[in-house]
Amino acid sequence: MNQRQAFEATVRHEPHDAFLFYAKFTPDVEARLMDRAGIRDRADIRAAFGMFDPVPAYLRPTGPARPRDLERYYEGIDRPPGSRINNLGVLCIPTGHYHFHREVPPLRHATCLSDLEAFPFWDLSDHTDAFMADDVRIARETGRVSFCALGSIYEGAWQLRGYEDFLSDLLLEPAMCEFLMDRLTDLWVDLARKAALAGVDLLTCGDDVASQQTLMFPPETWRHFIKSRWARVFEAARSVRPDIQIKYHSDGNVTEILPELIDIGVTILNPVQPECMDLAFLEREYGHRLVFDGTIGTQTTLPFGTPAEIRETVRLRKRTLGQNGGLVLAPTHIVEPEVPLDNVLAFLDACREGEEA
């Protein structure tokens, strides 16, 4: 069974032995894993361990990027080596601590809607979708899955504005929040539709909207500001390709909004943190409609378990969440340096085991 066949069985919720799995690593872990396994090129890690490795289908630039006047938003800010301004226009400054960086929001000093309207937002007018269908074709010919990564709506908006200011705006200046999220929604509607037209198998997207216990704000706020906009994005893709799969990411406990995420088109949920979500309840209530992607805790199991405990956890997930096939195994976050390498290898080995293990 190749990866495409395994993916098709997974999203159809058909029992199968070859569970898809993957992991992402911080540079330290990646370097140690490569050394242990004798891998010279980091691009070969997924293939060496048989990890799920879908093919990206992206827009391509048509030429030099359209000039954007962003420097005026960061005057007087020290930028050490490694600092960069991302596509959204947010300044990212390395902290020297693993993969983390500090973000400086360009609209932190905005006081009214006109300040937002003057901002040079990222758009895709200097990109083409002419090659996306080729990416999809290559994926199919090689027995793999094609995917297109959308960004976020809520997270992108607060990164542009600043977290505290954005949350204040939700209550005091909602029109400013609506404007920012509409600009991002329009961006992802366009990209989602183009991906669907190209035949892409999977859209990935998401917003971190929950803490360990519950949502970060009342469900009514989520419905109005966030759900309604993702519904537009998903509809843009589904109106073209009804069977396109939609993988939605949110850390934390999003149990309260799962029925509504399913209603607007989400078919795969990530990362499904076992520390804050009831996995037995999820399987019982939603296992026939959602594929669970993740489920191996990086707060508990991977850093603090033994290799034997990690193998048993993977086997348990296969027997329970994977009993109807709707499971992709993965750590619930990037694997940090504190995780022993033997634990990483135990996870990878157990994922490759047959159902009889």
Protein backbone atom coordinates (compact mmCIF):
# COMPACT_ATOMS: atom_id res chain seq x y z
CA MET A 1 0.00 0.00 0.00
CA ASN A 2 1.56 3.32 -1.08
CA GLN A 3 0.99 6.59 0.74
CA ARG A 4 -1.82 7.67 -1.52
CA GLN A 5 -3.68 4.42 -1.04
CA ALA A 6 -3.17 4.64 2.71
CA PHE A 7 -4.43 8.22 2.72
CA GLU A 8 -7.53 7.30 0.73
CA ALA A 9 -8.29 4.46 3.15
CA THR A 10 -7.71 6.80 6.09
CA VAL A 11 -10.13 9.51 4.94
CA ARG A 12 -12.71 6.86 4.01
CA HIS A 13 -12.36 5.45 7.54
CA GLU A 14 -11.50 2.00 6.24
CA PRO A 15 -9.49 -0.26 8.58
CA HIS A 16 -5.95 -0.85 7.33
CA ASP A 17 -2.56 -1.80 8.76
CA ALA A 18 -0.30 0.79 7.11
CA PHE A 19 -1.03 3.83 9.28
CA LEU A 20 0.36 7.10 8.00
CA PHE A 21 2.75 8.82 10.41
CA TYR A 22 5.20 11.71 10.54
CA ALA A 23 7.13 13.97 12.90
CA LYS A 24 8.78 17.38 12.78
CA PHE A 25 11.99 18.06 14.67
CA THR A 26 13.93 21.00 16.06
CA PRO A 27 17.40 21.28 14.45
CA ASP A 28 19.14 19.64 17.42
CA VAL A 29 16.92 16.56 17.35
CA GLU A 30 17.09 16.39 13.59
CA ALA A 31 20.89 16.48 13.60
CA ARG A 32 21.12 13.70 16.21
CA LEU A 33 18.57 11.59 14.34
CA MET A 34 20.48 11.97 11.09
CA ASP A 35 23.74 11.03 12.77
CA ARG A 36 22.23 7.93 14.41
CA ALA A 37 20.59 6.78 11.18
CA GLY A 38 23.51 7.68 8.91
CA ILE A 39 21.46 10.17 6.91
CA ARG A 40 23.48 12.90 5.19
CA ASP A 41 20.79 15.04 3.62
CA ARG A 42 17.99 16.36 5.85
CA ALA A 43 15.64 16.13 2.88
CA ASP A 44 15.93 12.33 3.11
CA ILE A 45 14.69 11.94 6.70
CA ARG A 46 11.05 11.33 5.87
CA ALA A 47 11.86 8.81 3.14
CA ALA A 48 14.42 7.01 5.33
CA PHE A 49 11.83 6.35 8.04
CA GLY A 50 8.81 5.91 5.76
CA MET A 51 7.02 9.00 7.05
CA PHE A 52 3.98 10.53 5.39
CA ASP A 53 5.40 13.03 2.90
CA PRO A 54 2.75 14.78 0.79
CA VAL A 55 3.78 16.89 -2.19
CA PRO A 56 3.23 20.65 -1.86
CA ALA A 57 1.24 22.36 -4.60
CA TYR A 58 1.95 26.06 -4.42
CA LEU A 59 1.60 29.21 -6.41
CA ARG A 60 4.84 30.36 -8.07
CA PRO A 61 6.10 33.96 -8.28
CA THR A 62 5.82 35.40 -11.77
CA GLY A 63 8.90 37.55 -11.20
CA PRO A 64 10.39 39.79 -8.53
CA ALA A 65 8.13 40.35 -5.55
CA ARG A 66 5.92 43.42 -5.66
CA PRO A 67 7.59 46.19 -3.64
CA ARG A 68 5.94 46.84 -0.28
CA ASP A 69 6.77 49.78 1.93
CA LEU A 70 7.20 47.95 5.23
CA GLU A 71 10.35 49.54 6.60
CA ARG A 72 8.50 52.54 7.99
CA TYR A 73 6.65 50.25 10.38
CA TYR A 74 9.89 49.17 12.03
CA GLU A 75 11.93 52.33 12.29
CA GLY A 76 14.21 52.39 15.31
CA ILE A 77 13.87 48.66 16.07
CA ASP A 78 17.12 46.74 16.46
CA ARG A 79 17.29 43.78 14.10
CA PRO A 80 19.96 41.20 14.98
CA PRO A 81 21.22 38.71 12.36
CA GLY A 82 18.53 36.31 11.31
CA SER A 83 15.70 38.85 11.60
CA ARG A 84 13.24 38.86 8.73
CA ILE A 85 9.90 40.28 7.66
CA ASN A 86 7.53 37.48 6.73
CA ASN A 87 4.90 37.45 3.97
CA LEU A 88 2.27 38.98 6.21
CA GLY A 89 4.60 41.88 6.96
CA VAL A 90 5.42 40.87 10.54
CA LEU A 91 9.00 41.37 11.76
CA CYS A 92 10.39 38.12 13.23
CA ILE A 93 13.42 38.45 15.51
CA PRO A 94 15.32 35.32 16.63
CA THR A 95 15.47 34.77 20.39
CA GLY A 96 18.40 32.35 20.44
CA HIS A 97 16.15 29.78 22.11
CA TYR A 98 15.55 26.81 19.82
CA HIS A 99 13.13 27.68 17.00
CA PHE A 100 11.33 30.49 18.81
CA HIS A 101 11.32 34.10 17.63
CA ARG A 102 9.82 37.38 18.79
CA GLU A 103 7.23 39.01 16.56
CA VAL A 104 6.85 42.76 16.14
CA PRO A 105 3.39 43.61 14.75
CA PRO A 106 3.47 46.32 12.09
CA LEU A 107 0.04 47.68 13.08
CA ARG A 108 0.81 47.97 16.79
CA HIS A 109 0.40 51.75 16.66
CA ALA A 110 -2.81 51.81 14.59
CA THR A 111 -5.59 53.87 16.15
CA CYS A 112 -8.34 53.72 13.54
CA LEU A 113 -9.57 51.82 10.53
CA SER A 114 -7.83 54.16 8.09
CA ASP A 115 -4.46 53.14 9.59
CA LEU A 116 -5.24 49.55 8.66
CA GLU A 117 -6.46 50.46 5.20
CA ALA A 118 -3.13 52.18 4.47
CA PHE A 119 -1.11 49.05 5.23
CA PRO A 120 0.47 47.28 2.20
CA PHE A 121 -1.10 43.86 2.67
CA TRP A 122 0.33 40.74 1.09
CA ASP A 123 -1.56 39.58 -1.97
CA LEU A 124 -1.04 36.94 -4.63
CA SER A 125 -1.29 39.16 -7.69
CA ASP A 126 2.37 38.50 -8.55
CA HIS A 127 1.93 34.69 -8.34
CA THR A 128 0.60 32.16 -10.80
CA ASP A 129 -1.27 28.88 -10.35
CA ALA A 130 -0.06 27.58 -13.72
CA PHE A 131 2.11 24.87 -12.15
CA MET A 132 -0.19 23.59 -9.41
CA ALA A 133 -1.79 20.95 -11.62
CA ASP A 134 1.70 19.63 -12.45
CA ASP A 135 2.43 19.26 -8.73
CA VAL A 136 -0.79 17.29 -8.33
CA ARG A 137 0.03 15.08 -11.30
CA ILE A 138 3.52 14.31 -9.96
CA ALA A 139 2.06 13.37 -6.58
CA ARG A 140 -0.43 10.97 -8.16
CA GLU A 141 2.14 9.40 -10.48
CA THR A 142 4.43 8.67 -7.52
CA GLY A 143 1.71 7.30 -5.25
CA ARG A 144 1.70 10.33 -2.99
CA VAL A 145 -0.78 12.96 -1.80
CA SER A 146 -0.81 16.61 -2.87
CA PHE A 147 -1.50 19.40 -0.41
CA CYS A 148 -1.76 23.18 -0.28
CA ALA A 149 -1.04 25.03 2.96
CA LEU A 150 -3.28 27.98 3.69
CA GLY A 151 -2.37 30.30 6.51
CA SER A 152 -4.43 31.42 9.48
CA ILE A 153 -7.16 34.02 9.96
CA TYR A 154 -7.36 34.79 13.67
CA GLU A 155 -3.63 34.25 14.27
CA GLY A 156 -2.58 36.23 11.23
CA ALA A 157 -4.80 39.12 12.26
CA TRP A 158 -3.44 39.36 15.80
CA GLN A 159 0.13 38.97 14.56
CA LEU A 160 -0.41 42.02 12.36
CA ARG A 161 -2.07 44.03 15.13
CA GLY A 162 -0.48 42.69 18.32
CA TYR A 163 -2.18 40.18 20.60
CA GLU A 164 -3.39 42.42 23.42
CA ASP A 165 -4.49 45.18 21.04
CA PHE A 166 -6.36 42.69 18.89
CA LEU A 167 -8.24 41.22 21.85
CA SER A 168 -9.14 44.73 23.00
CA ASP A 169 -10.34 45.53 19.50
CA LEU A 170 -12.67 42.52 19.58
CA LEU A 171 -14.60 44.34 22.29
CA LEU A 172 -13.98 48.01 21.59
CA GLU A 173 -13.21 48.30 17.86
CA PRO A 174 -14.62 45.15 16.21
CA ALA A 175 -14.60 46.78 12.78
CA MET A 176 -10.81 46.81 12.91
CA CYS A 177 -10.73 43.07 13.64
CA GLU A 178 -13.26 42.40 10.89
CA PHE A 179 -11.18 44.34 8.39
CA LEU A 180 -7.96 42.45 9.14
CA MET A 181 -9.63 39.05 9.10
CA ASP A 182 -11.51 39.84 5.89
CA ARG A 183 -8.24 40.67 4.14
CA LEU A 184 -6.78 37.32 5.19
CA THR A 185 -10.00 35.45 4.38
CA ASP A 186 -10.02 36.86 0.84
CA LEU A 187 -6.43 35.68 0.43
CA TRP A 188 -7.22 32.12 1.49
CA VAL A 189 -10.49 31.97 -0.47
CA ASP A 190 -8.51 32.73 -3.62
CA LEU A 191 -5.79 30.19 -2.85
CA ALA A 192 -8.22 27.46 -1.74
CA ARG A 193 -10.23 27.79 -4.94
CA LYS A 194 -7.11 27.64 -7.12
CA ALA A 195 -5.88 24.58 -5.25
CA ALA A 196 -9.21 22.83 -5.75
CA LEU A 197 -9.23 23.66 -9.45
CA ALA A 198 -5.76 22.12 -9.73
CA GLY A 199 -7.03 18.91 -8.11
CA VAL A 200 -5.18 19.19 -4.81
CA ASP A 201 -6.07 16.40 -2.37
CA LEU A 202 -5.61 18.20 0.94
CA LEU A 203 -5.86 21.74 2.32
CA THR A 204 -4.12 22.48 5.62
CA CYS A 205 -5.01 25.48 7.76
CA GLY A 206 -5.87 26.54 11.27
CA ASP A 207 -5.85 28.92 14.20
CA ASP A 208 -4.87 28.27 17.80
CA VAL A 209 -8.13 29.21 19.50
CA ALA A 210 -8.04 27.16 22.70
CA SER A 211 -6.19 26.78 25.97
CA GLN A 212 -5.61 23.48 27.76
CA GLN A 213 -9.11 23.71 29.23
CA THR A 214 -11.42 25.48 26.77
CA LEU A 215 -11.74 28.13 24.08
CA MET A 216 -9.89 31.41 24.55
CA PHE A 217 -13.11 33.38 24.15
CA PRO A 218 -16.87 32.72 24.17
CA PRO A 219 -18.14 30.40 21.43
CA GLU A 220 -20.31 33.24 20.09
CA THR A 221 -17.16 35.30 19.46
CA TRP A 222 -15.51 32.39 17.67
CA ARG A 223 -18.61 31.82 15.54
CA HIS A 224 -18.91 35.42 14.43
CA PHE A 225 -15.30 36.33 13.85
CA ILE A 226 -13.60 33.06 12.93
CA LYS A 227 -15.97 30.23 12.03
CA SER A 228 -17.91 32.30 9.50
CA ARG A 229 -14.72 33.20 7.66
CA TRP A 230 -13.30 29.68 7.53
CA ALA A 231 -16.69 28.56 6.23
CA ARG A 232 -16.20 30.90 3.27
CA VAL A 233 -12.74 29.48 2.58
CA PHE A 234 -13.85 25.86 2.76
CA GLU A 235 -16.90 26.52 0.60
CA ALA A 236 -14.68 28.09 -2.07
CA ALA A 237 -12.73 24.84 -2.32
CA ARG A 238 -15.65 22.44 -1.88
CA SER A 239 -17.74 24.18 -4.55
CA VAL A 240 -15.03 23.16 -7.02
CA ARG A 241 -13.91 19.83 -5.56
CA PRO A 242 -16.43 18.39 -3.07
CA ASP A 243 -14.12 15.60 -1.93
CA ILE A 244 -11.12 17.78 -1.06
CA GLN A 245 -9.87 17.00 2.44
CA ILE A 246 -9.50 19.82 4.97
CA LYS A 247 -7.05 19.51 7.85
CA TYR A 248 -7.64 22.04 10.62
CA HIS A 249 -5.08 22.74 13.35
CA SER A 250 -5.69 24.17 16.78
CA ASP A 251 -3.73 23.42 19.90
CA GLY A 252 -5.66 23.00 23.13
CA ASN A 253 -9.12 21.69 23.91
CA VAL A 254 -11.43 22.46 20.98
CA THR A 255 -14.02 19.79 21.88
CA GLU A 256 -16.77 22.41 22.26
CA ILE A 257 -16.59 23.49 18.61
CA LEU A 258 -15.93 20.15 16.92
CA PRO A 259 -19.51 19.69 15.63
CA GLU A 260 -19.36 23.11 14.01
CA LEU A 261 -15.93 22.52 12.50
CA ILE A 262 -17.29 19.33 10.95
CA ASP A 263 -20.37 21.18 9.70
CA ILE A 264 -18.27 23.71 7.78
CA GLY A 265 -16.13 21.03 6.16
CA VAL A 266 -13.24 19.99 8.39
CA THR A 267 -12.38 16.31 7.91
CA ILE A 268 -9.02 16.02 9.68
CA LEU A 269 -8.26 17.41 13.15
CA ASN A 270 -4.75 18.21 14.37
CA PRO A 271 -3.00 17.84 16.83
CA VAL A 272 -5.53 16.22 19.24
CA GLN A 273 -3.58 16.73 22.45
CA PRO A 274 -4.13 13.80 24.84
CA GLU A 275 -3.25 16.00 27.81
CA CYS A 276 -6.36 18.11 27.36
CA MET A 277 -8.81 16.18 25.17
CA ASP A 278 -10.73 13.01 26.04
CA LEU A 279 -9.62 10.64 23.28
CA ALA A 280 -12.19 7.96 24.09
CA PHE A 281 -14.98 10.56 23.89
CA LEU A 282 -13.63 11.92 20.60
CA GLU A 283 -13.55 8.48 19.03
CA ARG A 284 -17.03 7.63 20.27
CA GLU A 285 -18.65 10.90 19.18
CA TYR A 286 -16.65 11.94 16.10
CA GLY A 287 -14.50 9.02 15.00
CA HIS A 288 -16.81 8.25 12.08
CA ARG A 289 -16.57 11.83 10.74
CA LEU A 290 -13.10 13.06 11.69
CA VAL A 291 -9.62 11.73 11.03
CA PHE A 292 -7.43 12.29 14.09
CA ASP A 293 -3.97 13.57 13.18
CA GLY A 294 -1.40 13.67 15.99
CA THR A 295 -2.41 12.23 19.42
CA ILE A 296 1.15 11.46 20.69
CA GLY A 297 1.73 13.96 23.48
CA THR A 298 4.83 16.14 23.46
CA GLN A 299 4.01 17.49 26.93
CA THR A 300 4.04 14.07 28.57
CA THR A 301 4.63 10.89 26.58
CA LEU A 302 7.56 11.78 24.34
CA PRO A 303 9.78 13.70 26.78
CA PHE A 304 9.02 11.72 29.94
CA GLY A 305 7.97 8.23 28.83
CA THR A 306 10.26 5.27 28.30
CA PRO A 307 10.74 3.77 24.83
CA ALA A 308 8.54 0.83 25.90
CA GLU A 309 5.79 3.20 27.08
CA ILE A 310 5.94 5.13 23.83
CA ARG A 311 5.61 1.96 21.76
CA GLU A 312 2.62 0.89 23.82
CA THR A 313 1.02 4.34 23.43
CA VAL A 314 1.33 4.13 19.65
CA ARG A 315 -0.14 0.62 19.67
CA LEU A 316 -3.00 1.81 21.87
CA ARG A 317 -3.82 4.64 19.46
CA LYS A 318 -3.94 2.16 16.59
CA ARG A 319 -6.30 -0.14 18.49
CA THR A 320 -8.62 2.64 19.63
CA LEU A 321 -8.56 5.80 17.51
CA GLY A 322 -7.40 3.78 14.52
CA GLN A 323 -9.90 0.97 14.76
CA ASN A 324 -11.87 2.36 11.81
CA GLY A 325 -8.78 3.56 9.95
CA GLY A 326 -9.23 7.30 10.62
CA LEU A 327 -5.86 7.99 12.23
CA VAL A 328 -2.58 9.66 11.28
CA LEU A 329 0.08 9.25 13.96
CA ALA A 330 2.28 12.20 14.89
CA PRO A 331 3.66 14.10 17.86
CA THR A 332 1.33 16.92 18.88
CA HIS A 333 4.08 19.52 18.34
CA ILE A 334 7.56 19.79 16.92
CA VAL A 335 9.89 17.45 18.83
CA GLU A 336 12.03 19.53 21.20
CA PRO A 337 15.67 18.83 22.24
CA GLU A 338 14.63 17.47 25.64
CA VAL A 339 13.08 14.40 24.01
CA PRO A 340 15.54 11.47 24.20
CA LEU A 341 16.55 10.16 20.81
CA ASP A 342 15.64 6.62 21.86
CA ASN A 343 12.08 7.86 22.42
CA VAL A 344 11.95 9.36 18.94
CA LEU A 345 13.14 6.07 17.44
CA ALA A 346 10.64 4.13 19.54
CA PHE A 347 7.82 6.28 18.11
CA LEU A 348 9.00 5.78 14.54
CA ASP A 349 9.50 2.02 15.01
CA ALA A 350 6.07 1.54 16.58
CA CYS A 351 4.37 3.47 13.80
CA ARG A 352 5.83 1.07 11.26
CA GLU A 353 4.73 -2.04 13.13
CA GLY A 354 1.89 -4.13 11.74
CA GLU A 355 -1.45 -4.32 13.49
CA GLU A 356 -0.51 -7.63 15.05
CA ALA A 357 2.04 -5.82 17.30
